[in-house]
């Protein structure tokens, strides 16, 4: 069992932000996704521009709170703490889940990348993660060299992992249904949203997959 109570990750469409130095443009893009119905937003920026990262993360926290949607910071526990984000997403080379829980507290979301490994997901669950992410399920323009996960990973994880399962990697409107049918609770999407000519419409279309009535 987790050592700490876990926060509630909402599932649904999980928007991953594109990296850009144009903060105003980024905020407009994310606002369009929020208006389209994303359930959560993850701020991702691998640049070394500390000032830019702090400014963008802080602005995104304020924007997401207007929509009552959590803003989660990718990889950077210190930044998540400084900007009072709603959580942090950690990879295997980042801070530990235990450290993140201690620093951010019980009410913040702590997610874990588990790649193609059910064992990593089980360890993350035991360490108090709020959700686990698997991927890449399809070829991703963001991370073309990422290892590939199969749909069976979601099917195998569903009875063992009692946390939301996030699928990531090359997700589009055309292939998203396969992931949901296999057991994904959330779809982490970047290109299919932020490269779309109409971000709000693209978000709405993906969101509709979660709202569809199950077949009987």
N, C-alpha and C. Protein backbone atom coordinates (compact mmCIF):
# COMPACT_ATOMS: atom_id res chain seq x y z
N UNK A 1 0.84 -1.20 0.00
CA UNK A 1 0.00 0.00 0.00
C UNK A 1 0.87 1.24 0.00
N UNK A 2 0.44 2.36 -0.63
CA UNK A 2 1.22 3.59 -0.60
C UNK A 2 1.39 4.09 0.83
N UNK A 3 2.52 4.71 1.09
CA UNK A 3 2.78 5.24 2.42
C UNK A 3 1.95 6.48 2.69
N UNK A 4 1.60 7.22 1.65
CA UNK A 4 0.82 8.44 1.78
C UNK A 4 -0.49 8.29 1.01
N UNK A 5 -1.55 8.99 1.45
CA UNK A 5 -2.76 9.03 0.62
C UNK A 5 -2.44 9.66 -0.73
N UNK A 6 -3.09 9.16 -1.78
CA UNK A 6 -2.79 9.68 -3.11
C UNK A 6 -3.83 10.68 -3.56
N UNK A 7 -3.42 11.62 -4.41
CA UNK A 7 -4.34 12.62 -4.95
C UNK A 7 -5.12 12.00 -6.11
N UNK A 8 -6.12 12.70 -6.56
CA UNK A 8 -6.97 12.17 -7.61
C UNK A 8 -6.54 12.70 -8.97
N UNK A 9 -6.04 11.80 -9.82
CA UNK A 9 -5.74 12.16 -11.20
C UNK A 9 -6.99 11.98 -12.02
N UNK A 10 -7.37 12.97 -12.84
CA UNK A 10 -8.70 12.94 -13.45
C UNK A 10 -8.87 12.00 -14.63
N UNK A 11 -7.81 11.48 -15.22
CA UNK A 11 -7.97 10.69 -16.44
C UNK A 11 -8.37 11.58 -17.61
N UNK A 12 -8.92 10.98 -18.66
CA UNK A 12 -9.35 11.77 -19.82
C UNK A 12 -8.20 12.20 -20.70
N UNK A 13 -8.40 13.28 -21.45
CA UNK A 13 -7.37 13.79 -22.36
C UNK A 13 -6.33 14.57 -21.54
N UNK A 14 -5.08 14.18 -21.67
CA UNK A 14 -3.98 14.74 -20.89
C UNK A 14 -3.07 15.47 -21.89
N UNK A 15 -3.14 16.78 -21.92
CA UNK A 15 -2.41 17.58 -22.91
C UNK A 15 -0.97 17.78 -22.47
N UNK A 16 -0.03 17.46 -23.37
CA UNK A 16 1.40 17.69 -23.13
C UNK A 16 1.82 18.90 -23.95
N UNK A 17 2.36 19.91 -23.30
CA UNK A 17 2.63 21.16 -24.00
C UNK A 17 3.84 21.06 -24.93
N UNK A 18 3.78 21.77 -26.06
CA UNK A 18 4.96 21.86 -26.94
C UNK A 18 5.98 22.82 -26.34
N UNK A 19 7.24 22.63 -26.69
CA UNK A 19 8.28 23.52 -26.20
C UNK A 19 8.40 24.73 -27.12
N UNK A 20 8.33 25.93 -26.53
CA UNK A 20 8.42 27.17 -27.30
C UNK A 20 8.91 28.30 -26.40
N UNK A 21 9.62 29.25 -27.00
CA UNK A 21 10.03 30.44 -26.27
C UNK A 21 8.95 31.51 -26.26
N UNK A 22 7.91 31.32 -27.06
CA UNK A 22 6.83 32.30 -27.18
C UNK A 22 5.75 31.98 -26.14
N UNK A 23 5.87 32.59 -24.97
CA UNK A 23 4.97 32.28 -23.87
C UNK A 23 3.52 32.64 -24.19
N UNK A 24 3.33 33.77 -24.84
CA UNK A 24 1.97 34.18 -25.20
C UNK A 24 1.30 33.17 -26.12
N UNK A 25 2.05 32.69 -27.11
CA UNK A 25 1.50 31.69 -28.03
C UNK A 25 1.19 30.39 -27.30
N UNK A 26 2.07 29.98 -26.41
CA UNK A 26 1.85 28.77 -25.62
C UNK A 26 0.57 28.88 -24.81
N UNK A 27 0.37 30.01 -24.17
CA UNK A 27 -0.82 30.19 -23.34
C UNK A 27 -2.09 30.15 -24.19
N UNK A 28 -2.04 30.73 -25.38
CA UNK A 28 -3.21 30.69 -26.26
C UNK A 28 -3.50 29.26 -26.71
N UNK A 29 -2.46 28.51 -27.01
CA UNK A 29 -2.65 27.12 -27.41
C UNK A 29 -3.28 26.30 -26.28
N UNK A 30 -2.74 26.46 -25.09
CA UNK A 30 -3.25 25.68 -23.96
C UNK A 30 -4.66 26.11 -23.60
N UNK A 31 -4.96 27.39 -23.71
CA UNK A 31 -6.32 27.85 -23.42
C UNK A 31 -7.32 27.22 -24.40
N UNK A 32 -6.91 27.08 -25.66
CA UNK A 32 -7.79 26.43 -26.63
C UNK A 32 -8.03 24.97 -26.26
N UNK A 33 -6.99 24.29 -25.80
CA UNK A 33 -7.14 22.90 -25.38
C UNK A 33 -8.03 22.79 -24.14
N UNK A 34 -7.87 23.72 -23.23
CA UNK A 34 -8.71 23.74 -22.03
C UNK A 34 -10.17 23.98 -22.41
N UNK A 35 -10.38 24.88 -23.34
CA UNK A 35 -11.75 25.15 -23.79
C UNK A 35 -12.35 23.93 -24.48
N UNK A 36 -11.50 23.10 -25.07
CA UNK A 36 -11.97 21.88 -25.74
C UNK A 36 -12.25 20.74 -24.80
N UNK A 37 -11.81 20.88 -23.54
CA UNK A 37 -12.17 19.88 -22.54
C UNK A 37 -11.08 18.97 -22.04
N UNK A 38 -9.79 19.37 -22.13
CA UNK A 38 -8.76 18.50 -21.57
C UNK A 38 -8.96 18.36 -20.06
N UNK A 39 -8.58 17.19 -19.54
CA UNK A 39 -8.76 16.91 -18.12
C UNK A 39 -7.54 17.31 -17.30
N UNK A 40 -6.37 17.37 -17.94
CA UNK A 40 -5.13 17.73 -17.25
C UNK A 40 -4.14 18.25 -18.28
N UNK A 41 -3.18 19.05 -17.81
CA UNK A 41 -2.15 19.61 -18.68
C UNK A 41 -0.79 19.32 -18.05
N UNK A 42 0.16 18.88 -18.87
CA UNK A 42 1.53 18.69 -18.40
C UNK A 42 2.44 19.68 -19.11
N UNK A 43 3.17 20.46 -18.32
CA UNK A 43 4.13 21.42 -18.88
C UNK A 43 5.45 20.71 -19.10
N UNK A 44 5.90 20.70 -20.38
CA UNK A 44 7.15 20.05 -20.74
C UNK A 44 8.05 21.06 -21.43
N UNK A 45 9.24 21.24 -20.90
CA UNK A 45 10.23 22.13 -21.52
C UNK A 45 11.60 21.66 -21.06
N UNK A 46 12.39 21.17 -22.00
CA UNK A 46 13.71 20.63 -21.67
C UNK A 46 14.83 21.66 -21.83
N UNK A 47 14.46 22.90 -22.12
CA UNK A 47 15.49 23.92 -22.32
C UNK A 47 16.17 24.25 -21.00
N UNK A 48 17.31 24.88 -21.10
CA UNK A 48 18.03 25.30 -19.90
C UNK A 48 17.67 26.70 -19.44
N UNK A 49 16.65 27.28 -20.03
CA UNK A 49 16.24 28.65 -19.70
C UNK A 49 15.38 28.62 -18.44
N UNK A 50 16.01 28.76 -17.29
CA UNK A 50 15.32 28.63 -16.01
C UNK A 50 14.25 29.71 -15.85
N UNK A 51 14.58 30.93 -16.25
CA UNK A 51 13.62 32.03 -16.10
C UNK A 51 12.37 31.79 -16.96
N UNK A 52 12.60 31.36 -18.20
CA UNK A 52 11.46 31.08 -19.08
C UNK A 52 10.60 29.96 -18.53
N UNK A 53 11.24 28.91 -18.07
CA UNK A 53 10.49 27.77 -17.54
C UNK A 53 9.65 28.18 -16.33
N UNK A 54 10.22 28.99 -15.47
CA UNK A 54 9.48 29.42 -14.29
C UNK A 54 8.31 30.32 -14.69
N UNK A 55 8.54 31.24 -15.62
CA UNK A 55 7.48 32.13 -16.07
C UNK A 55 6.35 31.33 -16.72
N UNK A 56 6.70 30.43 -17.63
CA UNK A 56 5.67 29.67 -18.34
C UNK A 56 4.89 28.76 -17.39
N UNK A 57 5.60 28.07 -16.52
CA UNK A 57 4.90 27.18 -15.60
C UNK A 57 3.96 27.95 -14.68
N UNK A 58 4.41 29.09 -14.19
CA UNK A 58 3.57 29.90 -13.30
C UNK A 58 2.33 30.42 -14.02
N UNK A 59 2.52 30.87 -15.26
CA UNK A 59 1.39 31.36 -16.04
C UNK A 59 0.40 30.23 -16.35
N UNK A 60 0.92 29.06 -16.63
CA UNK A 60 0.06 27.93 -16.93
C UNK A 60 -0.72 27.45 -15.70
N UNK A 61 -0.09 27.51 -14.54
CA UNK A 61 -0.80 27.17 -13.31
C UNK A 61 -2.02 28.07 -13.15
N UNK A 62 -1.81 29.38 -13.32
CA UNK A 62 -2.92 30.33 -13.17
C UNK A 62 -3.99 30.08 -14.23
N UNK A 63 -3.58 29.83 -15.47
CA UNK A 63 -4.55 29.59 -16.54
C UNK A 63 -5.36 28.32 -16.27
N UNK A 64 -4.69 27.25 -15.91
CA UNK A 64 -5.39 25.99 -15.68
C UNK A 64 -6.36 26.09 -14.50
N UNK A 65 -6.01 26.87 -13.51
CA UNK A 65 -6.91 26.99 -12.36
C UNK A 65 -8.20 27.72 -12.73
N UNK A 66 -8.15 28.57 -13.75
CA UNK A 66 -9.38 29.20 -14.23
C UNK A 66 -10.35 28.16 -14.76
N UNK A 67 -9.82 27.06 -15.26
CA UNK A 67 -10.65 25.99 -15.82
C UNK A 67 -10.81 24.82 -14.85
N UNK A 68 -10.24 24.95 -13.67
CA UNK A 68 -10.28 23.88 -12.66
C UNK A 68 -9.67 22.59 -13.19
N UNK A 69 -8.53 22.74 -13.85
CA UNK A 69 -7.80 21.62 -14.45
C UNK A 69 -6.38 21.60 -13.86
N UNK A 70 -5.87 20.45 -13.44
CA UNK A 70 -4.53 20.40 -12.85
C UNK A 70 -3.42 20.65 -13.86
N UNK A 71 -2.41 21.40 -13.43
CA UNK A 71 -1.19 21.62 -14.21
C UNK A 71 -0.08 20.82 -13.55
N UNK A 72 0.49 19.91 -14.29
CA UNK A 72 1.53 19.01 -13.81
C UNK A 72 2.83 19.32 -14.54
N UNK A 73 3.92 19.44 -13.80
CA UNK A 73 5.23 19.77 -14.38
C UNK A 73 5.99 18.50 -14.68
N UNK A 74 6.55 18.41 -15.86
CA UNK A 74 7.32 17.25 -16.28
C UNK A 74 8.75 17.32 -15.76
N UNK A 75 9.17 16.28 -15.07
CA UNK A 75 10.58 16.03 -14.72
C UNK A 75 11.20 16.92 -13.65
N UNK A 76 10.64 18.08 -13.36
CA UNK A 76 11.33 19.08 -12.53
C UNK A 76 10.58 19.29 -11.23
N UNK A 77 10.98 18.57 -10.20
CA UNK A 77 10.32 18.65 -8.89
C UNK A 77 10.47 20.04 -8.28
N UNK A 78 11.64 20.63 -8.42
CA UNK A 78 11.87 21.96 -7.84
C UNK A 78 10.95 22.99 -8.49
N UNK A 79 10.82 22.94 -9.81
CA UNK A 79 9.95 23.88 -10.50
C UNK A 79 8.50 23.67 -10.10
N UNK A 80 8.07 22.43 -9.99
CA UNK A 80 6.70 22.14 -9.57
C UNK A 80 6.41 22.74 -8.21
N UNK A 81 7.38 22.65 -7.31
CA UNK A 81 7.21 23.21 -5.97
C UNK A 81 7.21 24.73 -6.01
N UNK A 82 8.14 25.33 -6.77
CA UNK A 82 8.27 26.79 -6.81
C UNK A 82 7.03 27.48 -7.39
N UNK A 83 6.43 26.89 -8.41
CA UNK A 83 5.30 27.54 -9.07
C UNK A 83 3.96 27.05 -8.53
N UNK A 84 4.00 26.24 -7.47
CA UNK A 84 2.79 25.72 -6.85
C UNK A 84 1.93 24.98 -7.86
N UNK A 85 2.57 24.16 -8.69
CA UNK A 85 1.84 23.33 -9.64
C UNK A 85 1.02 22.30 -8.89
N UNK A 86 0.12 21.67 -9.61
CA UNK A 86 -0.75 20.67 -9.00
C UNK A 86 -0.10 19.30 -8.93
N UNK A 87 1.09 19.19 -9.49
CA UNK A 87 1.78 17.91 -9.40
C UNK A 87 3.03 17.88 -10.25
N UNK A 88 3.65 16.70 -10.29
CA UNK A 88 4.88 16.50 -11.05
C UNK A 88 4.82 15.12 -11.70
N UNK A 89 5.42 15.03 -12.88
CA UNK A 89 5.53 13.74 -13.57
C UNK A 89 7.01 13.39 -13.64
N UNK A 90 7.35 12.18 -13.19
CA UNK A 90 8.75 11.79 -13.05
C UNK A 90 9.08 10.58 -13.92
N UNK A 91 10.27 10.63 -14.53
CA UNK A 91 10.83 9.49 -15.23
C UNK A 91 11.78 8.73 -14.32
N UNK A 92 12.37 7.66 -14.85
CA UNK A 92 13.22 6.83 -14.00
C UNK A 92 14.51 7.52 -13.61
N UNK A 93 14.92 8.57 -14.34
CA UNK A 93 16.16 9.27 -14.03
C UNK A 93 15.92 10.56 -13.26
N UNK A 94 14.68 10.81 -12.83
CA UNK A 94 14.35 12.04 -12.12
C UNK A 94 14.33 11.77 -10.61
N UNK A 95 13.78 12.72 -9.87
CA UNK A 95 13.66 12.55 -8.42
C UNK A 95 12.82 11.33 -8.09
N UNK A 96 12.96 10.81 -6.87
CA UNK A 96 12.19 9.64 -6.48
C UNK A 96 10.74 10.04 -6.17
N UNK A 97 9.85 9.08 -6.29
CA UNK A 97 8.46 9.32 -5.94
C UNK A 97 8.32 9.69 -4.47
N UNK A 98 9.09 9.06 -3.63
CA UNK A 98 9.03 9.35 -2.20
C UNK A 98 9.45 10.80 -1.93
N UNK A 99 10.52 11.24 -2.59
CA UNK A 99 10.98 12.62 -2.42
C UNK A 99 9.92 13.60 -2.90
N UNK A 100 9.31 13.29 -4.04
CA UNK A 100 8.27 14.17 -4.58
C UNK A 100 7.10 14.28 -3.63
N UNK A 101 6.68 13.15 -3.05
CA UNK A 101 5.55 13.18 -2.12
C UNK A 101 5.88 13.99 -0.87
N UNK A 102 7.09 13.85 -0.37
CA UNK A 102 7.48 14.59 0.83
C UNK A 102 7.51 16.08 0.54
N UNK A 103 8.07 16.48 -0.60
CA UNK A 103 8.22 17.90 -0.92
C UNK A 103 6.89 18.53 -1.30
N UNK A 104 6.11 17.86 -2.11
CA UNK A 104 4.86 18.45 -2.62
C UNK A 104 3.69 18.24 -1.67
N UNK A 105 3.75 17.22 -0.85
CA UNK A 105 2.66 16.95 0.08
C UNK A 105 1.66 15.96 -0.46
N UNK A 106 0.68 15.66 0.36
CA UNK A 106 -0.26 14.60 0.06
C UNK A 106 -1.31 15.00 -0.97
N UNK A 107 -1.54 16.28 -1.15
CA UNK A 107 -2.64 16.74 -2.00
C UNK A 107 -2.22 16.98 -3.45
N UNK A 108 -0.95 16.81 -3.76
CA UNK A 108 -0.48 17.02 -5.12
C UNK A 108 -0.38 15.70 -5.87
N UNK A 109 -0.47 15.78 -7.19
CA UNK A 109 -0.42 14.60 -8.04
C UNK A 109 1.03 14.25 -8.37
N UNK A 110 1.37 13.00 -8.22
CA UNK A 110 2.71 12.51 -8.58
C UNK A 110 2.53 11.36 -9.56
N UNK A 111 2.98 11.57 -10.80
CA UNK A 111 2.87 10.55 -11.84
C UNK A 111 4.23 9.96 -12.17
N UNK A 112 4.20 8.76 -12.74
CA UNK A 112 5.45 8.06 -13.03
C UNK A 112 5.44 7.48 -14.44
N UNK A 113 6.52 7.72 -15.18
CA UNK A 113 6.73 7.05 -16.46
C UNK A 113 7.19 5.62 -16.20
N UNK A 114 6.50 4.67 -16.79
CA UNK A 114 6.85 3.26 -16.60
C UNK A 114 7.22 2.59 -17.92
N UNK A 115 7.25 3.37 -19.01
CA UNK A 115 7.76 2.92 -20.30
C UNK A 115 7.03 1.66 -20.77
N UNK A 116 7.75 0.54 -20.90
CA UNK A 116 7.13 -0.70 -21.32
C UNK A 116 7.17 -1.75 -20.21
N UNK A 117 7.22 -1.28 -18.96
CA UNK A 117 7.48 -2.18 -17.84
C UNK A 117 6.34 -2.23 -16.82
N UNK A 118 5.71 -3.38 -16.71
CA UNK A 118 4.71 -3.59 -15.67
C UNK A 118 5.37 -3.60 -14.29
N UNK A 119 6.62 -4.08 -14.21
CA UNK A 119 7.33 -4.10 -12.93
C UNK A 119 7.55 -2.69 -12.40
N UNK A 120 7.93 -1.76 -13.29
CA UNK A 120 8.09 -0.37 -12.86
C UNK A 120 6.77 0.20 -12.36
N UNK A 121 5.68 -0.16 -13.02
CA UNK A 121 4.37 0.34 -12.61
C UNK A 121 3.99 -0.20 -11.24
N UNK A 122 4.26 -1.45 -11.00
CA UNK A 122 3.96 -2.03 -9.68
C UNK A 122 4.79 -1.35 -8.59
N UNK A 123 6.07 -1.06 -8.91
CA UNK A 123 6.92 -0.38 -7.94
C UNK A 123 6.44 1.05 -7.70
N UNK A 124 5.99 1.74 -8.76
CA UNK A 124 5.48 3.09 -8.62
C UNK A 124 4.21 3.10 -7.78
N UNK A 125 3.34 2.13 -8.00
CA UNK A 125 2.12 2.03 -7.20
C UNK A 125 2.47 1.84 -5.72
N UNK A 126 3.43 0.98 -5.44
CA UNK A 126 3.83 0.73 -4.06
C UNK A 126 4.47 1.95 -3.41
N UNK A 127 5.11 2.79 -4.24
CA UNK A 127 5.79 3.98 -3.72
C UNK A 127 4.85 5.17 -3.56
N UNK A 128 3.59 5.03 -3.97
CA UNK A 128 2.63 6.11 -3.74
C UNK A 128 2.34 6.99 -4.93
N UNK A 129 2.57 6.49 -6.15
CA UNK A 129 2.22 7.28 -7.34
C UNK A 129 0.71 7.42 -7.44
N UNK A 130 0.28 8.47 -8.14
CA UNK A 130 -1.15 8.72 -8.36
C UNK A 130 -1.61 8.20 -9.72
N UNK A 131 -0.68 8.03 -10.65
CA UNK A 131 -0.98 7.40 -11.93
C UNK A 131 0.32 6.88 -12.51
N UNK A 132 0.20 5.94 -13.45
CA UNK A 132 1.38 5.43 -14.15
C UNK A 132 1.17 5.60 -15.65
N UNK A 133 2.24 5.87 -16.35
CA UNK A 133 2.17 6.11 -17.80
C UNK A 133 3.00 5.06 -18.54
N UNK A 134 2.40 4.48 -19.57
CA UNK A 134 3.07 3.51 -20.43
C UNK A 134 3.19 4.06 -21.84
N UNK A 135 4.22 3.62 -22.56
CA UNK A 135 4.38 4.00 -23.95
C UNK A 135 5.84 3.80 -24.39
N UNK A 136 6.09 4.08 -25.63
CA UNK A 136 5.25 4.70 -26.63
C UNK A 136 4.45 3.62 -27.37
N UNK A 137 3.15 3.85 -27.53
CA UNK A 137 2.31 2.85 -28.16
C UNK A 137 2.37 2.92 -29.69
N UNK A 138 2.58 4.11 -30.21
CA UNK A 138 2.66 4.29 -31.66
C UNK A 138 3.86 5.18 -31.96
N UNK A 139 4.24 5.25 -33.22
CA UNK A 139 5.37 6.09 -33.61
C UNK A 139 5.07 7.53 -33.24
N UNK A 140 6.01 8.15 -32.53
CA UNK A 140 5.79 9.49 -32.02
C UNK A 140 6.71 10.49 -32.71
N UNK A 141 6.15 11.57 -33.27
CA UNK A 141 7.01 12.60 -33.86
C UNK A 141 7.83 13.34 -32.81
N UNK A 142 7.37 13.33 -31.57
CA UNK A 142 8.10 14.01 -30.49
C UNK A 142 9.30 13.20 -30.03
N UNK A 143 9.11 11.87 -29.92
CA UNK A 143 10.20 10.98 -29.49
C UNK A 143 10.27 9.78 -30.43
N UNK A 144 10.82 9.99 -31.64
CA UNK A 144 10.82 8.92 -32.64
C UNK A 144 11.61 7.68 -32.24
N UNK A 145 12.57 7.83 -31.34
CA UNK A 145 13.40 6.68 -30.95
C UNK A 145 12.88 5.97 -29.72
N UNK A 146 11.74 6.38 -29.20
CA UNK A 146 11.21 5.78 -27.98
C UNK A 146 10.86 4.31 -28.20
N UNK A 147 11.08 3.51 -27.15
CA UNK A 147 10.71 2.11 -27.22
C UNK A 147 9.20 1.95 -27.36
N UNK A 148 8.78 0.84 -27.93
CA UNK A 148 7.36 0.64 -28.23
C UNK A 148 6.72 -0.30 -27.23
N UNK A 149 5.55 0.09 -26.76
CA UNK A 149 4.74 -0.75 -25.88
C UNK A 149 3.60 -1.37 -26.67
N UNK A 150 3.18 -2.54 -26.26
CA UNK A 150 2.06 -3.21 -26.91
C UNK A 150 0.78 -3.03 -26.13
N UNK A 151 -0.35 -3.22 -26.80
CA UNK A 151 -1.64 -3.09 -26.15
C UNK A 151 -1.82 -4.09 -25.01
N UNK A 152 -1.16 -5.23 -25.10
CA UNK A 152 -1.27 -6.22 -24.05
C UNK A 152 -0.74 -5.71 -22.71
N UNK A 153 0.16 -4.75 -22.75
CA UNK A 153 0.67 -4.18 -21.50
C UNK A 153 -0.46 -3.53 -20.70
N UNK A 154 -1.34 -2.81 -21.38
CA UNK A 154 -2.49 -2.21 -20.70
C UNK A 154 -3.43 -3.28 -20.17
N UNK A 155 -3.65 -4.31 -20.97
CA UNK A 155 -4.55 -5.38 -20.54
C UNK A 155 -3.97 -6.12 -19.32
N UNK A 156 -2.67 -6.32 -19.32
CA UNK A 156 -2.03 -7.00 -18.18
C UNK A 156 -2.02 -6.12 -16.94
N UNK A 157 -1.88 -4.81 -17.14
CA UNK A 157 -1.78 -3.89 -16.00
C UNK A 157 -3.12 -3.66 -15.32
N UNK A 158 -4.19 -3.69 -16.09
CA UNK A 158 -5.50 -3.30 -15.55
C UNK A 158 -5.89 -4.02 -14.26
N UNK A 159 -5.73 -5.35 -14.15
CA UNK A 159 -6.14 -5.99 -12.90
C UNK A 159 -5.14 -5.85 -11.75
N UNK A 160 -3.94 -5.37 -12.05
CA UNK A 160 -2.88 -5.31 -11.04
C UNK A 160 -2.59 -3.90 -10.54
N UNK A 161 -2.80 -2.93 -11.40
CA UNK A 161 -2.51 -1.54 -11.05
C UNK A 161 -3.83 -0.84 -10.73
N UNK A 162 -3.98 -0.43 -9.50
CA UNK A 162 -5.24 0.19 -9.06
C UNK A 162 -5.11 1.71 -9.08
N UNK A 163 -4.53 2.19 -10.15
CA UNK A 163 -4.33 3.62 -10.39
C UNK A 163 -4.72 3.89 -11.83
N UNK A 164 -4.99 5.16 -12.20
CA UNK A 164 -5.23 5.47 -13.60
C UNK A 164 -4.04 5.07 -14.47
N UNK A 165 -4.35 4.48 -15.62
CA UNK A 165 -3.33 4.08 -16.59
C UNK A 165 -3.30 5.11 -17.72
N UNK A 166 -2.16 5.74 -17.91
CA UNK A 166 -1.99 6.76 -18.95
C UNK A 166 -1.23 6.15 -20.12
N UNK A 167 -1.76 6.31 -21.31
CA UNK A 167 -1.08 5.86 -22.53
C UNK A 167 -0.48 7.07 -23.23
N UNK A 168 0.71 6.89 -23.79
CA UNK A 168 1.42 8.00 -24.43
C UNK A 168 2.13 7.49 -25.68
N UNK A 169 2.31 8.39 -26.64
CA UNK A 169 3.15 8.08 -27.80
C UNK A 169 2.39 7.92 -29.09
N UNK A 170 2.41 8.97 -29.92
CA UNK A 170 1.84 8.88 -31.26
C UNK A 170 0.33 8.73 -31.30
N UNK A 171 -0.36 9.19 -30.27
CA UNK A 171 -1.80 8.99 -30.18
C UNK A 171 -2.54 9.97 -31.09
N UNK A 172 -3.47 9.45 -31.85
CA UNK A 172 -4.30 10.26 -32.74
C UNK A 172 -5.76 9.88 -32.52
N UNK A 173 -6.64 10.65 -33.13
CA UNK A 173 -8.06 10.33 -33.05
C UNK A 173 -8.35 8.95 -33.64
N UNK A 174 -7.56 8.55 -34.63
CA UNK A 174 -7.81 7.29 -35.31
C UNK A 174 -7.39 6.07 -34.49
N UNK A 175 -6.33 6.20 -33.68
CA UNK A 175 -5.86 5.03 -32.93
C UNK A 175 -6.20 5.07 -31.44
N UNK A 176 -6.75 6.17 -30.97
CA UNK A 176 -7.02 6.33 -29.54
C UNK A 176 -7.98 5.28 -29.00
N UNK A 177 -8.96 4.91 -29.79
CA UNK A 177 -9.94 3.94 -29.34
C UNK A 177 -9.33 2.59 -28.98
N UNK A 178 -8.26 2.20 -29.68
CA UNK A 178 -7.59 0.95 -29.37
C UNK A 178 -7.03 0.95 -27.95
N UNK A 179 -6.51 2.09 -27.54
CA UNK A 179 -5.93 2.22 -26.20
C UNK A 179 -7.01 2.20 -25.13
N UNK A 180 -8.11 2.88 -25.39
CA UNK A 180 -9.20 2.89 -24.42
C UNK A 180 -9.80 1.50 -24.28
N UNK A 181 -9.96 0.80 -25.39
CA UNK A 181 -10.49 -0.56 -25.35
C UNK A 181 -9.56 -1.50 -24.58
N UNK A 182 -8.26 -1.23 -24.62
CA UNK A 182 -7.28 -2.08 -23.94
C UNK A 182 -7.17 -1.76 -22.45
N UNK A 183 -7.78 -0.65 -22.01
CA UNK A 183 -7.78 -0.35 -20.59
C UNK A 183 -7.19 0.98 -20.18
N UNK A 184 -6.76 1.82 -21.12
CA UNK A 184 -6.22 3.13 -20.76
C UNK A 184 -7.33 4.02 -20.17
N UNK A 185 -6.97 4.73 -19.12
CA UNK A 185 -7.89 5.70 -18.50
C UNK A 185 -7.64 7.12 -18.97
N UNK A 186 -6.46 7.34 -19.53
CA UNK A 186 -6.07 8.69 -19.94
C UNK A 186 -5.16 8.59 -21.16
N UNK A 187 -5.27 9.57 -22.05
CA UNK A 187 -4.44 9.63 -23.25
C UNK A 187 -3.60 10.89 -23.20
N UNK A 188 -2.28 10.71 -23.14
CA UNK A 188 -1.36 11.84 -23.11
C UNK A 188 -1.00 12.20 -24.55
N UNK A 189 -1.36 13.41 -24.96
CA UNK A 189 -1.31 13.79 -26.37
C UNK A 189 -0.63 15.14 -26.53
N UNK A 190 0.26 15.23 -27.51
CA UNK A 190 0.91 16.49 -27.84
C UNK A 190 0.58 16.89 -29.28
N UNK A 191 1.15 16.19 -30.24
CA UNK A 191 1.05 16.60 -31.65
C UNK A 191 -0.39 16.62 -32.16
N UNK A 192 -1.19 15.62 -31.78
CA UNK A 192 -2.56 15.55 -32.28
C UNK A 192 -3.41 16.72 -31.81
N UNK A 193 -2.98 17.37 -30.74
CA UNK A 193 -3.68 18.57 -30.27
C UNK A 193 -3.02 19.82 -30.81
N UNK A 194 -1.74 20.01 -30.49
CA UNK A 194 -1.11 21.31 -30.70
C UNK A 194 -0.60 21.52 -32.12
N UNK A 195 -0.57 20.47 -32.94
CA UNK A 195 -0.27 20.64 -34.36
C UNK A 195 -1.55 20.71 -35.20
N UNK A 196 -2.69 20.58 -34.56
CA UNK A 196 -3.96 20.61 -35.28
C UNK A 196 -4.30 22.04 -35.70
N UNK A 197 -4.97 22.21 -36.84
CA UNK A 197 -5.36 23.57 -37.26
C UNK A 197 -6.35 24.22 -36.31
N UNK A 198 -7.15 23.41 -35.62
CA UNK A 198 -8.11 23.91 -34.64
C UNK A 198 -7.92 23.09 -33.37
N UNK A 199 -7.17 23.63 -32.41
CA UNK A 199 -6.81 22.89 -31.20
C UNK A 199 -8.05 22.56 -30.38
N UNK A 200 -8.96 23.53 -30.28
CA UNK A 200 -10.17 23.29 -29.49
C UNK A 200 -10.99 22.16 -30.08
N UNK A 201 -11.16 22.15 -31.38
CA UNK A 201 -11.94 21.11 -32.04
C UNK A 201 -11.26 19.75 -31.92
N UNK A 202 -9.94 19.71 -32.08
CA UNK A 202 -9.21 18.45 -31.96
C UNK A 202 -9.35 17.87 -30.56
N UNK A 203 -9.28 18.75 -29.56
CA UNK A 203 -9.44 18.32 -28.17
C UNK A 203 -10.85 17.79 -27.93
N UNK A 204 -11.82 18.52 -28.45
CA UNK A 204 -13.22 18.11 -28.29
C UNK A 204 -13.45 16.73 -28.90
N UNK A 205 -12.88 16.48 -30.07
CA UNK A 205 -13.08 15.21 -30.75
C UNK A 205 -12.48 14.05 -29.94
N UNK A 206 -11.28 14.25 -29.40
CA UNK A 206 -10.68 13.22 -28.56
C UNK A 206 -11.48 13.02 -27.28
N UNK A 207 -11.95 14.12 -26.72
CA UNK A 207 -12.71 14.05 -25.48
C UNK A 207 -13.99 13.26 -25.65
N UNK A 208 -14.56 13.32 -26.84
CA UNK A 208 -15.81 12.61 -27.10
C UNK A 208 -15.64 11.10 -26.95
N UNK A 209 -14.42 10.60 -27.17
CA UNK A 209 -14.18 9.17 -27.03
C UNK A 209 -14.41 8.70 -25.60
N UNK A 210 -14.13 9.56 -24.64
CA UNK A 210 -14.33 9.22 -23.23
C UNK A 210 -15.79 9.33 -22.82
N UNK A 211 -16.53 10.13 -23.54
CA UNK A 211 -17.92 10.36 -23.18
C UNK A 211 -18.88 9.44 -23.92
N UNK A 212 -18.35 8.67 -24.88
CA UNK A 212 -19.21 7.76 -25.64
C UNK A 212 -19.76 6.68 -24.75
N UNK A 213 -20.98 6.31 -24.99
CA UNK A 213 -21.63 5.25 -24.22
C UNK A 213 -20.99 3.91 -24.58
N UNK A 214 -20.67 3.07 -23.59
CA UNK A 214 -20.11 1.76 -23.92
C UNK A 214 -21.13 0.89 -24.65
N UNK A 215 -20.63 0.04 -25.56
CA UNK A 215 -21.53 -0.84 -26.30
C UNK A 215 -22.05 -1.94 -25.39
N UNK A 216 -23.31 -2.32 -25.62
CA UNK A 216 -23.92 -3.39 -24.81
C UNK A 216 -24.33 -4.55 -25.71
